[in-house]
N, C-alpha and C. Protein backbone atom coordinates (compact mmCIF):
# COMPACT_ATOMS: atom_id res chain seq x y z
N UNK A 1 5.01 14.22 11.00
CA UNK A 1 5.30 12.86 11.41
C UNK A 1 4.89 12.61 12.85
N UNK A 2 4.80 11.33 13.18
CA UNK A 2 4.44 10.89 14.52
C UNK A 2 5.57 10.02 15.05
N UNK A 3 5.93 10.20 16.31
CA UNK A 3 6.93 9.33 16.93
C UNK A 3 6.27 8.46 17.97
N UNK A 4 6.50 7.16 17.88
CA UNK A 4 6.03 6.20 18.87
C UNK A 4 7.25 5.70 19.63
N UNK A 5 7.29 6.02 20.94
CA UNK A 5 8.46 5.69 21.74
C UNK A 5 8.05 4.89 22.98
N UNK A 6 9.05 4.42 23.72
CA UNK A 6 8.78 3.64 24.93
C UNK A 6 9.76 2.48 25.04
N UNK A 7 9.88 1.95 26.22
CA UNK A 7 10.76 0.82 26.52
C UNK A 7 10.45 -0.36 25.58
N UNK A 8 11.46 -1.14 25.17
CA UNK A 8 11.16 -2.34 24.37
C UNK A 8 10.09 -3.20 25.06
N UNK A 9 9.16 -3.73 24.26
CA UNK A 9 8.12 -4.60 24.82
C UNK A 9 6.83 -3.92 25.21
N UNK A 10 6.74 -2.58 25.04
CA UNK A 10 5.52 -1.90 25.47
C UNK A 10 4.41 -1.93 24.41
N UNK A 11 4.73 -2.35 23.19
CA UNK A 11 3.70 -2.46 22.17
C UNK A 11 3.76 -1.39 21.08
N UNK A 12 4.94 -0.79 20.91
CA UNK A 12 5.09 0.28 19.90
C UNK A 12 4.82 -0.22 18.49
N UNK A 13 5.32 -1.42 18.19
CA UNK A 13 5.25 -1.94 16.83
C UNK A 13 3.81 -2.30 16.47
N UNK A 14 3.12 -2.98 17.37
CA UNK A 14 1.73 -3.35 17.15
C UNK A 14 0.90 -2.09 16.90
N UNK A 15 1.09 -1.09 17.76
CA UNK A 15 0.34 0.16 17.64
C UNK A 15 0.72 0.90 16.35
N UNK A 16 2.01 1.01 16.08
CA UNK A 16 2.49 1.75 14.91
C UNK A 16 1.97 1.19 13.60
N UNK A 17 2.02 -0.13 13.46
CA UNK A 17 1.57 -0.77 12.22
C UNK A 17 0.08 -0.59 12.02
N UNK A 18 -0.68 -0.79 13.07
CA UNK A 18 -2.13 -0.68 13.00
C UNK A 18 -2.53 0.77 12.70
N UNK A 19 -1.84 1.70 13.35
CA UNK A 19 -2.12 3.12 13.14
C UNK A 19 -1.83 3.52 11.69
N UNK A 20 -0.72 3.04 11.17
CA UNK A 20 -0.33 3.37 9.79
C UNK A 20 -1.41 2.89 8.82
N UNK A 21 -1.94 1.69 9.04
CA UNK A 21 -2.93 1.19 8.10
C UNK A 21 -4.24 1.97 8.24
N UNK A 22 -4.62 2.35 9.46
CA UNK A 22 -5.85 3.13 9.64
C UNK A 22 -5.73 4.54 9.10
N UNK A 23 -4.56 5.14 9.27
CA UNK A 23 -4.41 6.56 8.93
C UNK A 23 -3.82 6.76 7.54
N UNK A 24 -3.50 5.64 6.86
CA UNK A 24 -2.89 5.74 5.54
C UNK A 24 -1.51 6.39 5.60
N UNK A 25 -0.76 6.09 6.67
CA UNK A 25 0.58 6.64 6.83
C UNK A 25 1.63 5.57 6.58
N UNK A 26 2.89 5.98 6.49
CA UNK A 26 3.99 5.04 6.30
C UNK A 26 4.57 4.70 7.67
N UNK A 27 4.72 3.41 7.96
CA UNK A 27 5.28 2.98 9.24
C UNK A 27 6.76 2.63 9.08
N UNK A 28 7.59 3.20 9.93
CA UNK A 28 9.03 2.89 9.88
C UNK A 28 9.52 2.46 11.25
N UNK A 29 10.01 1.21 11.32
CA UNK A 29 10.61 0.70 12.55
C UNK A 29 12.12 0.95 12.43
N UNK A 30 12.64 1.86 13.25
CA UNK A 30 14.05 2.27 13.12
C UNK A 30 15.00 1.10 13.39
N UNK A 31 14.62 0.23 14.33
CA UNK A 31 15.45 -0.94 14.61
C UNK A 31 15.60 -1.84 13.39
N UNK A 32 14.47 -2.09 12.70
CA UNK A 32 14.51 -2.94 11.49
C UNK A 32 15.28 -2.24 10.37
N UNK A 33 15.05 -0.93 10.23
CA UNK A 33 15.72 -0.16 9.19
C UNK A 33 17.24 -0.19 9.39
N UNK A 34 17.66 -0.07 10.65
CA UNK A 34 19.09 -0.10 10.96
C UNK A 34 19.68 -1.47 10.65
N UNK A 35 18.90 -2.50 10.94
CA UNK A 35 19.36 -3.87 10.69
C UNK A 35 19.54 -4.08 9.18
N UNK A 36 18.54 -3.69 8.40
CA UNK A 36 18.60 -3.88 6.94
C UNK A 36 19.76 -3.11 6.32
N UNK A 37 19.94 -1.86 6.76
CA UNK A 37 20.97 -1.02 6.16
C UNK A 37 22.30 -1.08 6.88
N UNK A 38 22.36 -1.93 7.93
CA UNK A 38 23.54 -2.03 8.80
C UNK A 38 24.03 -0.65 9.24
N UNK A 39 23.10 0.13 9.81
CA UNK A 39 23.41 1.49 10.25
C UNK A 39 23.94 1.47 11.69
N UNK A 40 25.08 0.80 11.85
CA UNK A 40 25.66 0.63 13.18
C UNK A 40 27.07 1.19 13.23
N UNK A 41 27.50 1.50 14.45
CA UNK A 41 28.88 1.96 14.60
C UNK A 41 29.62 1.16 15.67
N UNK A 42 29.33 -0.14 15.73
CA UNK A 42 30.01 -0.96 16.71
C UNK A 42 29.05 -1.89 17.40
N UNK A 43 29.55 -2.59 18.42
CA UNK A 43 28.75 -3.59 19.13
C UNK A 43 28.91 -3.40 20.62
N UNK A 44 27.78 -3.44 21.34
CA UNK A 44 27.80 -3.28 22.78
C UNK A 44 27.85 -4.67 23.41
N UNK A 45 29.03 -5.04 23.95
CA UNK A 45 29.20 -6.38 24.52
C UNK A 45 28.28 -6.58 25.72
N UNK A 46 28.16 -5.54 26.54
CA UNK A 46 27.40 -5.66 27.79
C UNK A 46 25.93 -5.99 27.51
N UNK A 47 25.36 -5.32 26.51
CA UNK A 47 23.95 -5.53 26.18
C UNK A 47 23.76 -6.52 25.05
N UNK A 48 24.88 -7.00 24.49
CA UNK A 48 24.81 -7.98 23.43
C UNK A 48 23.96 -7.47 22.26
N UNK A 49 24.21 -6.23 21.86
CA UNK A 49 23.47 -5.69 20.72
C UNK A 49 24.32 -4.63 20.00
N UNK A 50 24.01 -4.40 18.71
CA UNK A 50 24.78 -3.39 17.95
C UNK A 50 24.45 -1.97 18.43
N UNK A 51 25.37 -1.05 18.18
CA UNK A 51 25.19 0.35 18.57
C UNK A 51 24.74 1.14 17.34
N UNK A 52 23.61 1.80 17.48
CA UNK A 52 23.02 2.55 16.37
C UNK A 52 23.90 3.72 15.94
N UNK A 53 24.08 3.88 14.64
CA UNK A 53 24.75 5.07 14.11
C UNK A 53 23.68 6.13 13.84
N UNK A 54 23.49 7.01 14.83
CA UNK A 54 22.36 7.94 14.79
C UNK A 54 22.41 8.88 13.59
N UNK A 55 23.60 9.34 13.22
CA UNK A 55 23.71 10.25 12.07
C UNK A 55 23.25 9.59 10.78
N UNK A 56 23.66 8.34 10.60
CA UNK A 56 23.24 7.63 9.38
C UNK A 56 21.74 7.35 9.37
N UNK A 57 21.18 7.08 10.54
CA UNK A 57 19.74 6.87 10.63
C UNK A 57 19.00 8.14 10.20
N UNK A 58 19.48 9.28 10.68
CA UNK A 58 18.84 10.56 10.33
C UNK A 58 18.97 10.84 8.84
N UNK A 59 20.16 10.60 8.27
CA UNK A 59 20.35 10.78 6.82
C UNK A 59 19.36 9.90 6.04
N UNK A 60 19.24 8.67 6.50
CA UNK A 60 18.39 7.69 5.83
C UNK A 60 16.91 8.11 5.86
N UNK A 61 16.50 8.73 6.98
CA UNK A 61 15.09 9.07 7.17
C UNK A 61 14.71 10.44 6.62
N UNK A 62 15.68 11.30 6.42
CA UNK A 62 15.42 12.72 6.12
C UNK A 62 14.42 12.92 4.98
N UNK A 63 14.65 12.25 3.84
CA UNK A 63 13.75 12.43 2.69
C UNK A 63 12.33 11.98 3.00
N UNK A 64 12.22 10.80 3.62
CA UNK A 64 10.90 10.28 3.96
C UNK A 64 10.16 11.23 4.89
N UNK A 65 10.89 11.79 5.86
CA UNK A 65 10.24 12.66 6.84
C UNK A 65 9.76 13.96 6.20
N UNK A 66 10.50 14.45 5.21
CA UNK A 66 10.10 15.71 4.58
C UNK A 66 8.83 15.54 3.74
N UNK A 67 8.58 14.31 3.28
CA UNK A 67 7.34 14.03 2.55
C UNK A 67 6.13 14.03 3.48
N UNK A 68 6.36 13.72 4.76
CA UNK A 68 5.29 13.70 5.75
C UNK A 68 4.52 12.38 5.76
N UNK A 69 3.58 12.29 6.72
CA UNK A 69 2.74 11.10 6.83
C UNK A 69 3.49 9.87 7.27
N UNK A 70 4.48 10.06 8.16
CA UNK A 70 5.31 8.94 8.60
C UNK A 70 5.17 8.69 10.10
N UNK A 71 5.06 7.43 10.47
CA UNK A 71 5.09 7.03 11.88
C UNK A 71 6.43 6.36 12.14
N UNK A 72 7.21 6.93 13.04
CA UNK A 72 8.53 6.39 13.37
C UNK A 72 8.44 5.67 14.72
N UNK A 73 8.97 4.46 14.77
CA UNK A 73 8.90 3.63 15.97
C UNK A 73 10.34 3.36 16.45
N UNK A 74 10.65 3.87 17.65
CA UNK A 74 11.97 3.59 18.23
C UNK A 74 11.94 3.82 19.73
N UNK A 75 12.77 3.09 20.49
CA UNK A 75 12.73 3.28 21.94
C UNK A 75 13.42 4.57 22.38
N UNK A 76 14.42 5.02 21.60
CA UNK A 76 15.05 6.30 21.94
C UNK A 76 14.37 7.42 21.21
N UNK A 77 14.52 8.65 21.68
CA UNK A 77 13.86 9.73 20.95
C UNK A 77 14.64 11.04 20.98
N UNK A 78 15.80 11.07 21.64
CA UNK A 78 16.45 12.36 21.85
C UNK A 78 17.37 12.79 20.71
N UNK A 79 17.58 11.92 19.69
CA UNK A 79 18.51 12.30 18.63
C UNK A 79 17.81 12.70 17.33
N UNK A 80 16.49 12.52 17.26
CA UNK A 80 15.76 12.93 16.06
C UNK A 80 15.60 14.45 16.04
N UNK A 81 15.62 15.06 14.84
CA UNK A 81 15.34 16.50 14.77
C UNK A 81 13.92 16.80 15.28
N UNK A 82 13.81 17.82 16.09
CA UNK A 82 12.54 18.17 16.71
C UNK A 82 11.46 18.47 15.65
N UNK A 83 11.88 19.08 14.54
CA UNK A 83 10.92 19.50 13.50
C UNK A 83 10.22 18.32 12.82
N UNK A 84 10.73 17.11 13.00
CA UNK A 84 10.14 15.95 12.34
C UNK A 84 8.75 15.59 12.86
N UNK A 85 8.50 15.86 14.14
CA UNK A 85 7.30 15.28 14.76
C UNK A 85 6.30 16.31 15.25
N UNK A 86 5.03 16.05 14.94
CA UNK A 86 3.93 16.89 15.41
C UNK A 86 3.29 16.27 16.65
N UNK A 87 3.42 14.96 16.79
CA UNK A 87 2.91 14.26 17.96
C UNK A 87 3.95 13.22 18.38
N UNK A 88 4.21 13.16 19.67
CA UNK A 88 5.11 12.14 20.21
C UNK A 88 4.32 11.38 21.26
N UNK A 89 4.21 10.07 21.12
CA UNK A 89 3.60 9.37 22.24
C UNK A 89 4.52 8.31 22.80
N UNK A 90 4.47 8.20 24.12
CA UNK A 90 5.31 7.27 24.86
C UNK A 90 4.38 6.24 25.48
N UNK A 91 4.54 5.00 25.08
CA UNK A 91 3.71 3.94 25.63
C UNK A 91 4.28 3.48 26.97
N UNK A 92 3.38 3.20 27.91
CA UNK A 92 3.79 2.75 29.25
C UNK A 92 3.12 1.42 29.56
N UNK A 93 3.86 0.51 30.14
CA UNK A 93 3.32 -0.80 30.49
C UNK A 93 3.66 -1.13 31.94
N UNK A 94 2.71 -1.73 32.65
CA UNK A 94 2.98 -2.15 34.03
C UNK A 94 4.09 -3.21 34.02
N UNK A 95 4.91 -3.17 35.07
CA UNK A 95 6.12 -4.01 35.08
C UNK A 95 5.86 -5.50 34.95
N UNK A 96 4.77 -5.97 35.55
CA UNK A 96 4.51 -7.42 35.48
C UNK A 96 4.25 -7.85 34.04
N UNK A 97 3.48 -7.05 33.31
CA UNK A 97 3.24 -7.35 31.89
C UNK A 97 4.55 -7.26 31.11
N UNK A 98 5.29 -6.19 31.36
CA UNK A 98 6.51 -5.94 30.60
C UNK A 98 7.52 -7.05 30.82
N UNK A 99 7.66 -7.48 32.08
CA UNK A 99 8.61 -8.54 32.43
C UNK A 99 8.32 -9.78 31.60
N UNK A 100 7.05 -10.17 31.56
CA UNK A 100 6.66 -11.37 30.80
C UNK A 100 6.94 -11.21 29.31
N UNK A 101 6.62 -10.03 28.77
CA UNK A 101 6.82 -9.80 27.34
C UNK A 101 8.31 -9.87 26.98
N UNK A 102 9.15 -9.26 27.80
CA UNK A 102 10.58 -9.22 27.50
C UNK A 102 11.21 -10.60 27.69
N UNK A 103 10.76 -11.29 28.72
CA UNK A 103 11.29 -12.63 28.98
C UNK A 103 10.95 -13.55 27.81
N UNK A 104 9.75 -13.41 27.28
CA UNK A 104 9.35 -14.27 26.15
C UNK A 104 10.13 -13.90 24.88
N UNK A 105 10.72 -12.70 24.85
CA UNK A 105 11.59 -12.32 23.72
C UNK A 105 13.03 -12.79 23.94
N UNK A 106 13.28 -13.42 25.07
CA UNK A 106 14.62 -13.93 25.35
C UNK A 106 15.53 -12.93 26.05
N UNK A 107 14.96 -11.83 26.57
CA UNK A 107 15.76 -10.90 27.37
C UNK A 107 16.08 -11.56 28.70
N UNK A 108 17.34 -11.44 29.15
CA UNK A 108 17.65 -11.91 30.50
C UNK A 108 18.73 -11.07 31.16
N UNK A 109 18.98 -11.37 32.43
CA UNK A 109 20.06 -10.71 33.16
C UNK A 109 19.97 -9.20 33.12
N UNK A 110 21.11 -8.58 32.82
CA UNK A 110 21.23 -7.13 32.89
C UNK A 110 20.29 -6.43 31.90
N UNK A 111 20.17 -7.01 30.72
CA UNK A 111 19.33 -6.40 29.68
C UNK A 111 17.87 -6.34 30.15
N UNK A 112 17.42 -7.45 30.74
CA UNK A 112 16.05 -7.52 31.25
C UNK A 112 15.87 -6.52 32.40
N UNK A 113 16.78 -6.56 33.35
CA UNK A 113 16.68 -5.67 34.52
C UNK A 113 16.70 -4.20 34.12
N UNK A 114 17.62 -3.84 33.21
CA UNK A 114 17.76 -2.44 32.82
C UNK A 114 16.53 -1.91 32.10
N UNK A 115 15.90 -2.76 31.30
CA UNK A 115 14.69 -2.32 30.60
C UNK A 115 13.52 -2.14 31.57
N UNK A 116 13.44 -3.01 32.58
CA UNK A 116 12.40 -2.86 33.60
C UNK A 116 12.67 -1.57 34.41
N UNK A 117 13.93 -1.34 34.75
CA UNK A 117 14.32 -0.11 35.47
C UNK A 117 13.95 1.12 34.66
N UNK A 118 14.24 1.05 33.37
CA UNK A 118 13.97 2.14 32.45
C UNK A 118 12.48 2.50 32.51
N UNK A 119 11.63 1.49 32.58
CA UNK A 119 10.18 1.70 32.65
C UNK A 119 9.78 2.26 34.01
N UNK A 120 10.34 1.69 35.09
CA UNK A 120 10.01 2.15 36.44
C UNK A 120 10.33 3.64 36.61
N UNK A 121 11.48 4.04 36.09
CA UNK A 121 11.91 5.43 36.27
C UNK A 121 11.39 6.37 35.18
N UNK A 122 10.51 5.84 34.30
CA UNK A 122 9.93 6.68 33.25
C UNK A 122 10.99 7.36 32.40
N UNK A 123 12.10 6.66 32.21
CA UNK A 123 13.26 7.26 31.52
C UNK A 123 12.88 7.85 30.16
N UNK A 124 12.13 7.08 29.36
CA UNK A 124 11.85 7.53 27.99
C UNK A 124 10.82 8.65 27.95
N UNK A 125 9.91 8.65 28.93
CA UNK A 125 8.95 9.75 29.01
C UNK A 125 9.69 11.05 29.32
N UNK A 126 10.61 10.97 30.27
CA UNK A 126 11.39 12.17 30.62
C UNK A 126 12.23 12.64 29.44
N UNK A 127 12.83 11.69 28.73
CA UNK A 127 13.65 12.00 27.56
C UNK A 127 12.79 12.73 26.52
N UNK A 128 11.56 12.23 26.31
CA UNK A 128 10.66 12.85 25.34
C UNK A 128 10.27 14.26 25.78
N UNK A 129 10.01 14.43 27.08
CA UNK A 129 9.61 15.73 27.61
C UNK A 129 10.73 16.76 27.48
N UNK A 130 11.98 16.28 27.56
CA UNK A 130 13.13 17.19 27.41
C UNK A 130 13.44 17.47 25.95
N UNK A 131 13.07 16.54 25.05
CA UNK A 131 13.46 16.66 23.65
C UNK A 131 12.44 17.38 22.78
N UNK A 132 11.18 17.42 23.23
CA UNK A 132 10.11 17.99 22.40
C UNK A 132 9.27 18.96 23.23
N UNK A 133 8.46 19.78 22.54
CA UNK A 133 7.55 20.67 23.27
C UNK A 133 6.59 19.80 24.09
N UNK A 134 6.44 20.16 25.36
CA UNK A 134 5.65 19.33 26.28
C UNK A 134 4.24 19.06 25.78
N UNK A 135 3.65 20.07 25.09
CA UNK A 135 2.25 19.88 24.70
C UNK A 135 2.05 18.85 23.58
N UNK A 136 3.12 18.43 22.91
CA UNK A 136 2.93 17.39 21.88
C UNK A 136 3.28 15.99 22.40
N UNK A 137 3.77 15.89 23.63
CA UNK A 137 4.16 14.59 24.18
C UNK A 137 3.01 14.00 25.01
N UNK A 138 2.60 12.79 24.66
CA UNK A 138 1.49 12.14 25.35
C UNK A 138 1.91 10.77 25.85
N UNK A 139 1.51 10.47 27.10
CA UNK A 139 1.75 9.13 27.64
C UNK A 139 0.51 8.29 27.44
N UNK A 140 0.67 7.04 26.99
CA UNK A 140 -0.48 6.17 26.79
C UNK A 140 -0.25 4.84 27.50
N UNK A 141 -1.24 4.35 28.25
CA UNK A 141 -1.09 3.04 28.89
C UNK A 141 -1.19 1.94 27.84
N UNK A 142 -0.35 0.91 27.94
CA UNK A 142 -0.34 -0.15 26.94
C UNK A 142 -0.20 -1.51 27.62
N UNK A 143 -1.28 -1.92 28.31
CA UNK A 143 -1.26 -3.19 29.03
C UNK A 143 -2.12 -4.26 28.37
N UNK A 144 -3.26 -3.86 27.85
CA UNK A 144 -4.26 -4.82 27.37
C UNK A 144 -4.68 -4.52 25.93
N UNK A 145 -5.35 -5.48 25.28
CA UNK A 145 -5.90 -5.20 23.94
C UNK A 145 -6.87 -4.02 23.96
N UNK A 146 -7.58 -3.82 25.08
CA UNK A 146 -8.51 -2.69 25.19
C UNK A 146 -7.74 -1.37 25.15
N UNK A 147 -6.58 -1.35 25.83
CA UNK A 147 -5.73 -0.15 25.80
C UNK A 147 -5.34 0.17 24.37
N UNK A 148 -4.97 -0.87 23.63
CA UNK A 148 -4.54 -0.69 22.24
C UNK A 148 -5.64 -0.01 21.43
N UNK A 149 -6.86 -0.51 21.56
CA UNK A 149 -8.00 0.07 20.82
C UNK A 149 -8.21 1.53 21.21
N UNK A 150 -8.19 1.78 22.52
CA UNK A 150 -8.40 3.16 23.01
C UNK A 150 -7.32 4.08 22.49
N UNK A 151 -6.08 3.61 22.51
CA UNK A 151 -4.96 4.43 22.04
C UNK A 151 -5.10 4.75 20.56
N UNK A 152 -5.50 3.75 19.78
CA UNK A 152 -5.68 3.97 18.35
C UNK A 152 -6.75 5.02 18.09
N UNK A 153 -7.87 4.91 18.81
CA UNK A 153 -8.95 5.89 18.63
C UNK A 153 -8.47 7.29 19.00
N UNK A 154 -7.77 7.36 20.13
CA UNK A 154 -7.26 8.64 20.64
C UNK A 154 -6.31 9.29 19.62
N UNK A 155 -5.38 8.49 19.09
CA UNK A 155 -4.38 9.04 18.17
C UNK A 155 -5.05 9.44 16.85
N UNK A 156 -6.02 8.64 16.39
CA UNK A 156 -6.75 8.99 15.17
C UNK A 156 -7.43 10.35 15.35
N UNK A 157 -7.99 10.59 16.53
CA UNK A 157 -8.61 11.90 16.80
C UNK A 157 -7.58 13.02 16.74
N UNK A 158 -6.40 12.79 17.34
CA UNK A 158 -5.34 13.81 17.28
C UNK A 158 -4.96 14.11 15.84
N UNK A 159 -4.81 13.04 15.05
CA UNK A 159 -4.39 13.22 13.65
C UNK A 159 -5.44 14.04 12.89
N UNK A 160 -6.71 13.66 13.07
CA UNK A 160 -7.78 14.39 12.38
C UNK A 160 -7.81 15.85 12.80
N UNK A 161 -7.63 16.10 14.09
CA UNK A 161 -7.61 17.47 14.60
C UNK A 161 -6.44 18.24 13.99
N UNK A 162 -5.28 17.58 13.95
CA UNK A 162 -4.08 18.22 13.41
C UNK A 162 -4.29 18.59 11.94
N UNK A 163 -4.89 17.67 11.18
CA UNK A 163 -5.15 17.92 9.76
C UNK A 163 -6.06 19.14 9.61
N UNK A 164 -7.10 19.21 10.44
CA UNK A 164 -8.03 20.35 10.40
C UNK A 164 -7.30 21.65 10.68
N UNK A 165 -6.49 21.64 11.75
CA UNK A 165 -5.80 22.86 12.18
C UNK A 165 -4.74 23.32 11.20
N UNK A 166 -4.20 22.38 10.41
CA UNK A 166 -3.05 22.72 9.58
C UNK A 166 -3.30 22.71 8.08
N UNK A 167 -4.56 22.54 7.69
CA UNK A 167 -4.82 22.56 6.24
C UNK A 167 -5.83 23.64 5.87
């Protein structure tokens, strides 16, 4: 499996869906999956959003992950079993782009500030580096449509290489 991570608004979903169609893989957006299955354990008043029930998410994904060929899209990455992923990529976006993208999604106040902070401090990249073997974690710039194309080509090469090495 492949994990696509990064602060909300960096372009994980666009990249994940396009990659899945090019590589013939299954795309799973954990946020959407949690919403459909109501995989929550409460509500965070401060951030005005539900709290993910991580155990139920893992139960829900386990069968799909064992079949392989899955791209998982989520901003967090430290609660997934390490064995699930052969490649982890963390998308990074410059703050000015990110600010505009999040604002247009209706993020404001603390939620907006905290997500920008999260990006400035590379929080999710560090989380990925601590959660997985360093050599499978890759940072990718995600500012422009050109970046998207380059990232897709790059990841397709990794996938092809991985298939060669493991089959």
